Amino acid sequence: MDAKQLVNAITPEAYERLLYAVETGKWPEGSVLSQQQRDSCMQAVMLYQSKHNEEAQHMTVAKGGEVSFKSKSELKKQFANDQDDILRVNPNQS
């Protein structure tokens, strides 16, 4: 199977599982990945992102295969716009 066939075979659900595995080093069921499995999953995630990632986050592969880097100021602006989505908790409040 070549890279194009692999990307076309990955469903959004499979992508989420692969992404979880890359981020945590485990499958969602809890079994640990070998380094070779993690590397393969990372390659599949990057290929999937290069085809489908319309809104790339800081240091991701954007649609078309371009690596996207956002500056600290760009991230601050993005998160400033999303403040309504953030739950702020004061641990000293009773």
Protein backbone atom coordinates (compact mmCIF):
# COMPACT_ATOMS: atom_id res chain seq x y z
CA MET A 1 0.00 0.00 0.00
CA ASP A 2 1.46 3.38 -0.97
CA ALA A 3 1.05 6.63 1.00
CA LYS A 4 -1.89 7.86 -1.10
CA GLN A 5 -3.82 4.61 -0.60
CA LEU A 6 -3.04 4.71 3.13
CA VAL A 7 -4.37 8.26 3.54
CA ASN A 8 -7.51 7.43 1.59
CA ALA A 9 -8.11 4.39 3.80
CA ILE A 10 -7.90 6.30 7.11
CA THR A 11 -11.32 7.23 8.46
CA PRO A 12 -11.77 10.18 10.84
CA GLU A 13 -12.35 7.66 13.65
CA ALA A 14 -9.14 5.79 12.81
CA TYR A 15 -7.27 9.13 12.68
CA GLU A 16 -8.48 9.98 16.20
CA ARG A 17 -7.23 6.60 17.47
CA LEU A 18 -3.87 7.08 15.76
CA LEU A 19 -3.54 10.60 17.13
CA TYR A 20 -4.32 9.39 20.65
CA ALA A 21 -1.72 6.64 20.28
CA VAL A 22 0.94 9.11 19.13
CA GLU A 23 0.16 11.59 21.90
CA THR A 24 0.01 9.09 24.76
CA GLY A 25 2.08 6.12 23.60
CA LYS A 26 -0.93 3.85 24.21
CA TRP A 27 -3.96 2.68 22.29
CA PRO A 28 -7.30 3.90 23.66
CA GLU A 29 -7.76 0.43 25.21
CA GLY A 30 -4.55 0.97 27.24
CA SER A 31 -2.00 -1.29 25.58
CA VAL A 32 1.42 0.33 25.08
CA LEU A 33 2.83 0.93 21.59
CA SER A 34 6.33 -0.13 20.62
CA GLN A 35 8.59 2.61 19.29
CA GLN A 36 8.14 1.20 15.77
CA GLN A 37 4.33 1.30 16.14
CA ARG A 38 4.45 4.86 17.47
CA ASP A 39 6.67 5.95 14.56
CA SER A 40 4.30 4.33 12.04
CA CYS A 41 1.28 5.94 13.69
CA MET A 42 3.00 9.34 13.61
CA GLN A 43 3.68 8.97 9.88
CA ALA A 44 0.04 8.05 9.27
CA VAL A 45 -1.16 11.03 11.34
CA MET A 46 1.10 13.40 9.41
CA LEU A 47 -0.10 12.01 6.07
CA TYR A 48 -3.74 12.33 7.14
CA GLN A 49 -3.19 15.90 8.37
CA SER A 50 -1.48 16.84 5.12
CA LYS A 51 -4.66 15.93 3.26
CA HIS A 52 -7.39 17.01 5.69
CA ASN A 53 -6.08 19.61 8.12
CA GLU A 54 -7.82 22.85 7.09
CA GLU A 55 -7.05 24.76 10.32
CA ALA A 56 -3.59 23.69 11.38
CA GLN A 57 -2.64 24.26 15.01
CA HIS A 58 0.82 25.25 16.25
CA MET A 59 3.42 22.90 14.75
CA THR A 60 1.17 20.62 12.71
CA VAL A 61 1.10 19.50 9.11
CA ALA A 62 -1.42 21.63 7.22
CA LYS A 63 -3.46 20.53 4.22
CA GLY A 64 -1.16 20.08 1.25
CA GLY A 65 1.74 18.86 3.38
CA GLU A 66 2.97 22.26 4.54
CA VAL A 67 4.27 22.34 8.12
CA SER A 68 2.42 25.05 10.00
CA PHE A 69 4.09 27.01 12.81
CA LYS A 70 2.24 29.72 14.71
CA SER A 71 4.07 32.39 16.62
CA LYS A 72 3.42 33.08 20.28
CA SER A 73 1.52 36.26 19.36
CA GLU A 74 -0.66 34.37 16.85
CA LEU A 75 -1.49 31.76 19.50
CA LYS A 76 -2.31 34.48 22.05
CA LYS A 77 -4.69 36.10 19.55
CA GLN A 78 -6.31 32.76 18.81
CA PHE A 79 -6.80 31.95 22.49
CA ALA A 80 -7.99 35.49 23.26
CA ASN A 81 -10.80 34.94 20.77
CA ASP A 82 -11.67 31.61 22.45
CA GLN A 83 -11.91 32.97 26.02
CA ASP A 84 -15.62 32.22 26.25
CA ASP A 85 -14.76 28.53 25.84
CA ILE A 86 -12.37 28.47 28.81
CA LEU A 87 -13.54 27.57 32.30
CA ARG A 88 -11.58 29.55 34.88
CA VAL A 89 -11.53 28.19 38.42
CA ASN A 90 -10.25 29.95 41.53
CA PRO A 91 -8.94 27.21 43.86
CA ASN A 92 -9.20 29.57 46.86
CA GLN A 93 -12.89 30.22 46.31
CA SER A 94 -15.21 28.27 48.65
